[in-house]
PDB file of N, CA and C in Angstrom:
ATOM      1  N   ASN A   1      20.333  -5.194   8.465  1.00  0.00           N
ATOM      2  CA  ASN A   1      20.135  -5.426   9.370  1.00  0.00           C
ATOM      3  C   ASN A   1      18.990  -5.630  10.720  1.00  0.00           C
ATOM      4  N   ASN A   2      17.845  -4.903   9.990  1.00  0.00           N
ATOM      5  CA  ASN A   2      17.063  -4.821  10.647  1.00  0.00           C
ATOM      6  C   ASN A   2      16.709  -4.194  12.140  1.00  0.00           C
ATOM      7  N   GLN A   3      17.497  -3.009  12.109  1.00  0.00           N
ATOM      8  CA  GLN A   3      17.815  -1.829  13.314  1.00  0.00           C
ATOM      9  C   GLN A   3      16.729  -0.717  13.399  1.00  0.00           C
ATOM     10  N   GLY A   4      16.255  -0.695  12.332  1.00  0.00           N
ATOM     11  CA  GLY A   4      14.923   0.109  11.740  1.00  0.00           C
ATOM     12  C   GLY A   4      13.855   0.672  12.306  1.00  0.00           C
ATOM     13  N   GLY A   5      13.502  -0.566  13.325  1.00  0.00           N
ATOM     14  CA  GLY A   5      12.134  -0.203  14.092  1.00  0.00           C
ATOM     15  C   GLY A   5      11.369  -0.612  13.438  1.00  0.00           C
ATOM     16  N   GLY A   6      11.218  -1.266  11.932  1.00  0.00           N
ATOM     17  CA  GLY A   6      10.235  -1.614  11.455  1.00  0.00           C
ATOM     18  C   GLY A   6       9.892  -0.299  10.222  1.00  0.00           C
ATOM     19  N   GLN A   7      10.552   0.469  10.728  1.00  0.00           N
ATOM     20  CA  GLN A   7       9.480   1.695   9.812  1.00  0.00           C
ATOM     21  C   GLN A   7      10.197   1.544   8.519  1.00  0.00           C
ATOM     22  N   HIS A   8       9.746   1.955   7.528  1.00  0.00           N
ATOM     23  CA  HIS A   8      10.273   2.235   6.153  1.00  0.00           C
ATOM     24  C   HIS A   8      10.960   3.545   5.467  1.00  0.00           C
ATOM     25  N   CYS A   9      11.213   3.125   4.407  1.00  0.00           N
ATOM     26  CA  CYS A   9      11.722   5.174   4.340  1.00  0.00           C
ATOM     27  C   CYS A   9      10.952   5.133   3.146  1.00  0.00           C
ATOM     28  N   SER A  10      11.174   6.765   2.531  1.00  0.00           N
ATOM     29  CA  SER A  10       9.876   7.215   1.827  1.00  0.00           C
ATOM     30  C   SER A  10      10.438   7.173   0.258  1.00  0.00           C
ATOM     31  N   ARG A  11       9.939   6.573  -1.149  1.00  0.00           N
ATOM     32  CA  ARG A  11      10.529   6.594  -1.575  1.00  0.00           C
ATOM     33  C   ARG A  11      10.113   8.141  -2.519  1.00  0.00           C
ATOM     34  N   TRP A  12      10.801   9.269  -2.973  1.00  0.00           N
ATOM     35  CA  TRP A  12      10.323  10.301  -3.792  1.00  0.00           C
ATOM     36  C   TRP A  12      10.915  10.550  -5.378  1.00  0.00           C
ATOM     37  N   MET A  13      10.273  11.073  -6.011  1.00  0.00           N
ATOM     38  CA  MET A  13      10.835  10.644  -7.390  1.00  0.00           C
ATOM     39  C   MET A  13      10.712  12.600  -7.694  1.00  0.00           C
ATOM     40  N   MET A  14      11.001  12.934  -8.382  1.00  0.00           N
ATOM     41  CA  MET A  14      11.443  14.039 -10.088  1.00  0.00           C
ATOM     42  C   MET A  14      10.246  14.193 -10.786  1.00  0.00           C
ATOM     43  N   TRP A  15      10.180  15.000 -11.666  1.00  0.00           N
ATOM     44  CA  TRP A  15       9.410  14.918 -12.247  1.00  0.00           C
ATOM     45  C   TRP A  15       9.478  16.666 -12.967  1.00  0.00           C
ATOM     46  N   ALA A  16       9.802  16.847 -14.289  1.00  0.00           N
ATOM     47  CA  ALA A  16       9.632  18.644 -14.854  1.00  0.00           C
ATOM     48  C   ALA A  16       8.785  18.677 -15.719  1.00  0.00           C
ATOM     49  N   ALA A  17       8.342  20.130 -15.520  1.00  0.00           N
ATOM     50  CA  ALA A  17       6.906  20.018 -16.727  1.00  0.00           C
ATOM     51  C   ALA A  17       7.480  21.333 -17.877  1.00  0.00           C
ATOM     52  N   TYR A  18       6.784  21.409 -18.811  1.00  0.00           N
ATOM     53  CA  TYR A  18       7.475  21.955 -19.585  1.00  0.00           C
ATOM     54  C   TYR A  18       6.404  22.945 -20.589  1.00  0.00           C
ATOM     55  N   ILE A  19       6.714  23.231 -21.308  1.00  0.00           N
ATOM     56  CA  ILE A  19       4.932  23.883 -22.410  1.00  0.00           C
ATOM     57  C   ILE A  19       6.210  24.048 -23.820  1.00  0.00           C
ATOM     58  N   ASP A  20       5.438  24.076 -24.771  1.00  0.00           N
ATOM     59  CA  ASP A  20       5.923  23.787 -26.417  1.00  0.00           C
ATOM     60  C   ASP A  20       5.450  25.592 -26.677  1.00  0.00           C
ATOM     61  N   PRO A  21       6.237  26.231 -26.933  1.00  0.00           N
ATOM     62  CA  PRO A  21       5.618  27.324 -27.058  1.00  0.00           C
ATOM     63  C   PRO A  21       4.586  27.577 -28.137  1.00  0.00           C
ATOM     64  N   ASN A  22       5.587  26.879 -29.443  1.00  0.00           N
ATOM     65  CA  ASN A  22       5.034  26.292 -31.200  1.00  0.00           C
ATOM     66  C   ASN A  22       3.635  25.631 -31.374  1.00  0.00           C
ATOM     67  N   TYR A  23       2.988  24.902 -29.661  1.00  0.00           N
ATOM     68  CA  TYR A  23       2.179  24.283 -29.869  1.00  0.00           C
ATOM     69  C   TYR A  23       1.232  24.553 -31.226  1.00  0.00           C
ATOM     70  N   SER A  24       0.185  24.041 -31.833  1.00  0.00           N
ATOM     71  CA  SER A  24      -0.650  24.784 -32.636  1.00  0.00           C
ATOM     72  C   SER A  24      -2.060  23.941 -32.161  1.00  0.00           C
ATOM     73  N   GLY A  25      -2.493  23.309 -31.562  1.00  0.00           N
ATOM     74  CA  GLY A  25      -3.629  22.808 -31.217  1.00  0.00           C
ATOM     75  C   GLY A  25      -3.885  21.562 -31.607  1.00  0.00           C
ATOM     76  N   GLY A  26      -2.910  20.347 -32.599  1.00  0.00           N
ATOM     77  CA  GLY A  26      -2.693  19.115 -33.336  1.00  0.00           C
ATOM     78  C   GLY A  26      -2.984  18.328 -32.429  1.00  0.00           C
ATOM     79  N   GLU A  27      -3.061  18.660 -31.062  1.00  0.00           N
ATOM     80  CA  GLU A  27      -2.851  17.329 -29.944  1.00  0.00           C
ATOM     81  C   GLU A  27      -2.303  15.812 -29.996  1.00  0.00           C
ATOM     82  N   TYR A  28      -2.541  14.903 -30.492  1.00  0.00           N
ATOM     83  CA  TYR A  28      -2.306  13.857 -30.403  1.00  0.00           C
ATOM     84  C   TYR A  28      -1.265  13.846 -31.794  1.00  0.00           C
ATOM     85  N   ASP A  29      -1.916  13.841 -32.979  1.00  0.00           N
ATOM     86  CA  ASP A  29      -1.027  13.822 -33.939  1.00  0.00           C
ATOM     87  C   ASP A  29       0.400  14.554 -34.426  1.00  0.00           C
ATOM     88  N   GLU A  30      -0.129  16.101 -32.881  1.00  0.00           N
ATOM     89  CA  GLU A  30       0.687  17.475 -33.472  1.00  0.00           C
ATOM     90  C   GLU A  30       2.455  16.650 -33.524  1.00  0.00           C
ATOM     91  N   TYR A  31       2.251  15.691 -32.413  1.00  0.00           N
ATOM     92  CA  TYR A  31       3.475  15.266 -32.370  1.00  0.00           C
ATOM     93  C   TYR A  31       3.841  13.509 -32.113  1.00  0.00           C
ATOM     94  N   PHE A  32       2.346  12.349 -33.069  1.00  0.00           N
ATOM     95  CA  PHE A  32       2.608  11.159 -32.924  1.00  0.00           C
ATOM     96  C   PHE A  32       2.553  10.861 -34.088  1.00  0.00           C
ATOM     97  N   GLY A  33       1.495  11.878 -35.277  1.00  0.00           N
ATOM     98  CA  GLY A  33       0.768  11.528 -36.182  1.00  0.00           C
ATOM     99  C   GLY A  33       1.453  11.440 -37.113  1.00  0.00           C
ATOM    100  N   ASP A  34       0.970  11.104 -38.835  1.00  0.00           N
ATOM    101  CA  ASP A  34       1.709  10.714 -39.525  1.00  0.00           C
ATOM    102  C   ASP A  34       2.861  11.890 -40.132  1.00  0.00           C
ATOM    103  N   ASN A  35       3.842  12.892 -40.276  1.00  0.00           N
ATOM    104  CA  ASN A  35       5.021  13.760 -40.789  1.00  0.00           C
ATOM    105  C   ASN A  35       4.111  14.622 -39.126  1.00  0.00           C
ATOM    106  N   PRO A  36       4.797  14.473 -38.260  1.00  0.00           N
ATOM    107  CA  PRO A  36       4.064  15.388 -37.016  1.00  0.00           C
ATOM    108  C   PRO A  36       4.877  16.374 -37.152  1.00  0.00           C
ATOM    109  N   PRO A  37       4.691  18.173 -37.196  1.00  0.00           N
ATOM    110  CA  PRO A  37       4.723  19.025 -36.579  1.00  0.00           C
ATOM    111  C   PRO A  37       5.635  19.544 -35.691  1.00  0.00           C
ATOM    112  N   GLY A  38       5.067  18.724 -34.473  1.00  0.00           N
ATOM    113  CA  GLY A  38       6.101  18.808 -33.039  1.00  0.00           C
ATOM    114  C   GLY A  38       7.246  17.923 -33.444  1.00  0.00           C
ATOM    115  N   THR A  39       8.132  17.936 -31.831  1.00  0.00           N
ATOM    116  CA  THR A  39       8.496  17.395 -31.991  1.00  0.00           C
ATOM    117  C   THR A  39       8.669  17.657 -30.044  1.00  0.00           C
ATOM    118  N   LEU A  40       8.877  16.246 -29.457  1.00  0.00           N
ATOM    119  CA  LEU A  40       9.234  16.344 -28.623  1.00  0.00           C
ATOM    120  C   LEU A  40      10.849  16.111 -27.697  1.00  0.00           C
ATOM    121  N   ASP A  41      11.356  17.131 -27.883  1.00  0.00           N
ATOM    122  CA  ASP A  41      12.822  17.140 -27.686  1.00  0.00           C
ATOM    123  C   ASP A  41      13.033  18.555 -26.446  1.00  0.00           C
ATOM    124  N   CYS A  42      12.293  18.406 -25.439  1.00  0.00           N
ATOM    125  CA  CYS A  42      12.591  19.183 -24.185  1.00  0.00           C
ATOM    126  C   CYS A  42      14.139  19.002 -23.466  1.00  0.00           C
ATOM    127  N   HIS A  43      14.357  17.525 -23.531  1.00  0.00           N
ATOM    128  CA  HIS A  43      16.388  17.300 -23.329  1.00  0.00           C
ATOM    129  C   HIS A  43      16.895  17.882 -24.269  1.00  0.00           C
ATOM    130  N   SER A  44      16.567  18.273 -25.527  1.00  0.00           N
ATOM    131  CA  SER A  44      17.709  19.349 -26.333  1.00  0.00           C
ATOM    132  C   SER A  44      18.463  20.589 -25.384  1.00  0.00           C
ATOM    133  N   PRO A  45      19.589  20.729 -25.690  1.00  0.00           N
ATOM    134  CA  PRO A  45      20.107  22.453 -25.726  1.00  0.00           C
ATOM    135  C   PRO A  45      19.320  23.161 -26.444  1.00  0.00           C
ATOM    136  N   ASP A  46      18.839  22.532 -27.903  1.00  0.00           N
ATOM    137  CA  ASP A  46      18.455  23.613 -28.873  1.00  0.00           C
ATOM    138  C   ASP A  46      17.121  23.978 -29.055  1.00  0.00           C
ATOM    139  N   SER A  47      16.369  23.000 -27.641  1.00  0.00           N
ATOM    140  CA  SER A  47      14.928  22.949 -27.415  1.00  0.00           C
ATOM    141  C   SER A  47      14.644  24.736 -27.639  1.00  0.00           C
ATOM    142  N   GLU A  48      12.908  24.647 -27.726  1.00  0.00           N
ATOM    143  CA  GLU A  48      12.033  26.015 -27.871  1.00  0.00           C
ATOM    144  C   GLU A  48      11.315  25.304 -26.580  1.00  0.00           C
ATOM    145  N   TRP A  49      11.357  24.513 -26.053  1.00  0.00           N
ATOM    146  CA  TRP A  49      10.344  24.045 -24.910  1.00  0.00           C
ATOM    147  C   TRP A  49      10.997  25.107 -24.051  1.00  0.00           C
ATOM    148  N   VAL A  50      10.147  25.676 -22.500  1.00  0.00           N
ATOM    149  CA  VAL A  50      10.139  26.246 -21.680  1.00  0.00           C
ATOM    150  C   VAL A  50       9.892  25.433 -20.775  1.00  0.00           C
ATOM    151  N   LEU A  51      10.782  25.605 -19.238  1.00  0.00           N
ATOM    152  CA  LEU A  51      10.941  24.749 -18.236  1.00  0.00           C
ATOM    153  C   LEU A  51       9.791  25.917 -17.872  1.00  0.00           C
ATOM    154  N   ILE A  52       8.771  25.213 -16.955  1.00  0.00           N
ATOM    155  CA  ILE A  52       7.887  25.727 -16.133  1.00  0.00           C
ATOM    156  C   ILE A  52       8.092  25.534 -14.143  1.00  0.00           C
ATOM    157  N   GLY A  53       8.642  23.978 -14.519  1.00  0.00           N
ATOM    158  CA  GLY A  53       8.974  23.715 -12.739  1.00  0.00           C
ATOM    159  C   GLY A  53       9.938  22.411 -13.050  1.00  0.00           C
ATOM    160  N   VAL A  54      10.195  22.476 -11.378  1.00  0.00           N
ATOM    161  CA  VAL A  54      11.074  20.852 -11.271  1.00  0.00           C
ATOM    162  C   VAL A  54      10.089  20.387 -10.330  1.00  0.00           C
ATOM    163  N   TYR A  55       9.639  19.252  -9.931  1.00  0.00           N
ATOM    164  CA  TYR A  55       8.888  18.920  -8.777  1.00  0.00           C
ATOM    165  C   TYR A  55       9.493  17.762  -7.861  1.00  0.00           C
ATOM    166  N   ARG A  56       9.600  17.492  -7.027  1.00  0.00           N
ATOM    167  CA  ARG A  56       9.465  16.360  -6.272  1.00  0.00           C
ATOM    168  C   ARG A  56       7.917  15.784  -5.546  1.00  0.00           C
ATOM    169  N   GLN A  57       8.213  14.531  -5.362  1.00  0.00           N
ATOM    170  CA  GLN A  57       6.764  14.090  -4.809  1.00  0.00           C
ATOM    171  C   GLN A  57       6.836  12.685  -4.822  1.00  0.00           C
ATOM    172  N   GLU A  58       6.484  12.552  -3.859  1.00  0.00           N
ATOM    173  CA  GLU A  58       5.848  10.890  -3.033  1.00  0.00           C
ATOM    174  C   GLU A  58       6.117  10.629  -4.186  1.00  0.00           C
ATOM    175  N   PHE A  59       6.818   9.131  -3.777  1.00  0.00           N
ATOM    176  CA  PHE A  59       6.159   8.721  -5.322  1.00  0.00           C
ATOM    177  C   PHE A  59       4.970   7.541  -5.120  1.00  0.00           C
ATOM    178  N   TYR A  60       4.573   7.440  -3.782  1.00  0.00           N
ATOM    179  CA  TYR A  60       3.263   6.193  -4.140  1.00  0.00           C
ATOM    180  C   TYR A  60       2.094   7.595  -4.695  1.00  0.00           C
ATOM    181  N   GLN A  61       2.238   9.013  -4.144  1.00  0.00           N
ATOM    182  CA  GLN A  61       1.071   9.869  -4.560  1.00  0.00           C
ATOM    183  C   GLN A  61       1.557  10.300  -5.853  1.00  0.00           C
ATOM    184  N   TYR A  62       2.838  10.143  -6.063  1.00  0.00           N
ATOM    185  CA  TYR A  62       2.394  10.562  -8.046  1.00  0.00           C
ATOM    186  C   TYR A  62       2.329   9.390  -9.095  1.00  0.00           C
ATOM    187  N   ILE A  63       2.110   8.146  -8.224  1.00  0.00           N
ATOM    188  CA  ILE A  63       1.869   7.000  -9.089  1.00  0.00           C
ATOM    189  C   ILE A  63      -0.070   7.507  -8.923  1.00  0.00           C
ATOM    190  N   GLU A  64      -0.236   7.422  -7.606  1.00  0.00           N
ATOM    191  CA  GLU A  64      -1.706   7.325  -7.304  1.00  0.00           C
ATOM    192  C   GLU A  64      -2.412   8.533  -7.947  1.00  0.00           C
ATOM    193  N   GLN A  65      -1.760  10.053  -8.428  1.00  0.00           N
ATOM    194  CA  GLN A  65      -2.169  11.058  -8.931  1.00  0.00           C
ATOM    195  C   GLN A  65      -2.182  10.762 -10.359  1.00  0.00           C
ATOM    196  N   ILE A  66      -1.518  10.231 -10.701  1.00  0.00           N
ATOM    197  CA  ILE A  66      -1.311   9.686 -12.295  1.00  0.00           C
ATOM    198  C   ILE A  66      -1.718   9.207 -13.284  1.00  0.00           C
ATOM    199  N   SER A  67      -2.313   8.406 -12.329  1.00  0.00           N
ATOM    200  CA  SER A  67      -2.840   6.846 -12.522  1.00  0.00           C
ATOM    201  C   SER A  67      -4.640   7.346 -12.525  1.00  0.00           C
ATOM    202  N   LYS A  68      -4.736   8.413 -11.859  1.00  0.00           N
ATOM    203  CA  LYS A  68      -6.268   8.774 -11.338  1.00  0.00           C
ATOM    204  C   LYS A  68      -6.637   9.738 -12.901  1.00  0.00           C
ATOM    205  N   HIS A  69      -5.443  10.449 -14.279  1.00  0.00           N
ATOM    206  CA  HIS A  69      -5.621  11.649 -15.163  1.00  0.00           C
ATOM    207  C   HIS A  69      -5.430  10.493 -15.902  1.00  0.00           C
ATOM    208  N   LEU A  70      -4.816   9.575 -15.958  1.00  0.00           N
ATOM    209  CA  LEU A  70      -5.031   8.820 -17.440  1.00  0.00           C
ATOM    210  C   LEU A  70      -5.444   7.539 -17.850  1.00  0.00           C
ATOM    211  N   TRP A  71      -6.681   6.959 -16.636  1.00  0.00           N
ATOM    212  CA  TRP A  71      -6.960   6.147 -17.142  1.00  0.00           C
ATOM    213  C   TRP A  71      -8.739   6.056 -16.498  1.00  0.00           C
ATOM    214  N   ALA A  72      -9.677   5.377 -17.011  1.00  0.00           N
ATOM    215  CA  ALA A  72     -11.047   5.657 -16.161  1.00  0.00           C
ATOM    216  C   ALA A  72     -10.512   4.551 -15.455  1.00  0.00           C
ATOM    217  N   ILE A  73     -11.878   5.423 -14.228  1.00  0.00           N
ATOM    218  CA  ILE A  73     -11.860   4.010 -12.752  1.00  0.00           C
ATOM    219  C   ILE A  73     -11.723   2.640 -13.457  1.00  0.00           C
ATOM    220  N   ASP A  74     -12.778   1.932 -14.376  1.00  0.00           N
ATOM    221  CA  ASP A  74     -12.636   0.531 -14.606  1.00  0.00           C
ATOM    222  C   ASP A  74     -12.157   0.221 -15.927  1.00  0.00           C
ATOM    223  N   ASP A  75     -10.875   0.927 -16.107  1.00  0.00           N
ATOM    224  CA  ASP A  75      -9.862   0.510 -17.176  1.00  0.00           C
ATOM    225  C   ASP A  75      -9.598  -0.117 -16.347  1.00  0.00           C
ATOM    226  N   TYR A  76      -8.825  -1.300 -17.414  1.00  0.00           N
ATOM    227  CA  TYR A  76      -8.065  -2.459 -16.607  1.00  0.00           C
ATOM    228  C   TYR A  76      -5.884  -1.526 -16.254  1.00  0.00           C
ATOM    229  N   GLU A  77      -5.965  -0.872 -17.056  1.00  0.00           N
ATOM    230  CA  GLU A  77      -4.402  -0.041 -16.399  1.00  0.00           C
ATOM    231  C   GLU A  77      -4.846   0.456 -14.809  1.00  0.00           C
ATOM    232  N   TYR A  78      -6.002   1.022 -14.654  1.00  0.00           N
ATOM    233  CA  TYR A  78      -6.286   1.484 -14.086  1.00  0.00           C
ATOM    234  C   TYR A  78      -5.924   0.527 -12.383  1.00  0.00           C
ATOM    235  N   ILE A  79      -6.792  -0.800 -12.340  1.00  0.00           N
ATOM    236  CA  ILE A  79      -7.097  -1.296 -11.621  1.00  0.00           C
ATOM    237  C   ILE A  79      -5.924  -1.611 -11.022  1.00  0.00           C
ATOM    238  N   VAL A  80      -4.642  -1.998 -12.160  1.00  0.00           N
ATOM    239  CA  VAL A  80      -3.170  -2.230 -12.258  1.00  0.00           C
ATOM    240  C   VAL A  80      -2.779  -1.447 -11.263  1.00  0.00           C
ATOM    241  N   ALA A  81      -2.810  -0.295 -11.937  1.00  0.00           N
ATOM    242  CA  ALA A  81      -2.263   0.950 -10.647  1.00  0.00           C
ATOM    243  C   ALA A  81      -2.438   0.494  -9.915  1.00  0.00           C
ATOM    244  N   LEU A  82      -3.917   0.587  -9.091  1.00  0.00           N
ATOM    245  CA  LEU A  82      -4.274  -0.081  -8.240  1.00  0.00           C
ATOM    246  C   LEU A  82      -3.668  -0.957  -7.453  1.00  0.00           C
ATOM    247  N   ALA A  83      -3.534  -1.798  -7.534  1.00  0.00           N
ATOM    248  CA  ALA A  83      -2.809  -2.991  -7.356  1.00  0.00           C
ATOM    249  C   ALA A  83      -1.707  -2.722  -6.889  1.00  0.00           C
ATOM    250  N   GLY A  84      -0.945  -2.230  -8.072  1.00  0.00           N
ATOM    251  CA  GLY A  84       0.606  -1.496  -6.934  1.00  0.00           C
ATOM    252  C   GLY A  84       0.080  -1.153  -6.293  1.00  0.00           C
ATOM    253  N   LEU A  85      -0.288   0.271  -6.165  1.00  0.00           N
ATOM    254  CA  LEU A  85       0.343   0.333  -4.629  1.00  0.00           C
ATOM    255  C   LEU A  85      -0.658  -0.306  -3.433  1.00  0.00           C
ATOM    256  N   GLU A  86      -1.341  -0.692  -3.916  1.00  0.00           N
ATOM    257  CA  GLU A  86      -1.940  -1.892  -2.660  1.00  0.00           C
ATOM    258  C   GLU A  86      -0.355  -1.931  -2.114  1.00  0.00           C
ATOM    259  N   TYR A  87       0.201  -3.065  -2.791  1.00  0.00           N
ATOM    260  CA  TYR A  87       1.690  -3.707  -3.379  1.00  0.00           C
ATOM    261  C   TYR A  87       2.360  -2.905  -2.420  1.00  0.00           C
ATOM    262  N   MET A  88       2.281  -1.266  -2.508  1.00  0.00           N
ATOM    263  CA  MET A  88       3.750  -0.778  -2.064  1.00  0.00           C
ATOM    264  C   MET A  88       3.515  -0.124  -0.533  1.00  0.00           C
ATOM    265  N   THR A  89       2.321  -0.508  -0.170  1.00  0.00           N
ATOM    266  CA  THR A  89       1.530  -0.020   1.318  1.00  0.00           C
ATOM    267  C   THR A  89       1.551  -1.005   1.899  1.00  0.00           C
TER     268      THR A  89
END
């Protein structure tokens, strides 16, 4: 009914960080290669992954930060992420 005075509400997201104590330095192939020795099973109750934190962050800032660290500034994906951020604001 637009009684909010034109103000928008913030969107927040929660995310969790884990470490694999059994990681042996195999990078991508450790989890996704042919016959990978590691498993991405931090969601499983019998997993050996260790939870190191649960975080809350404004959605816009999360997308901004993750896009900076995933793609180079001239990658198509980064440009699309920035366009999405522009649309959000």
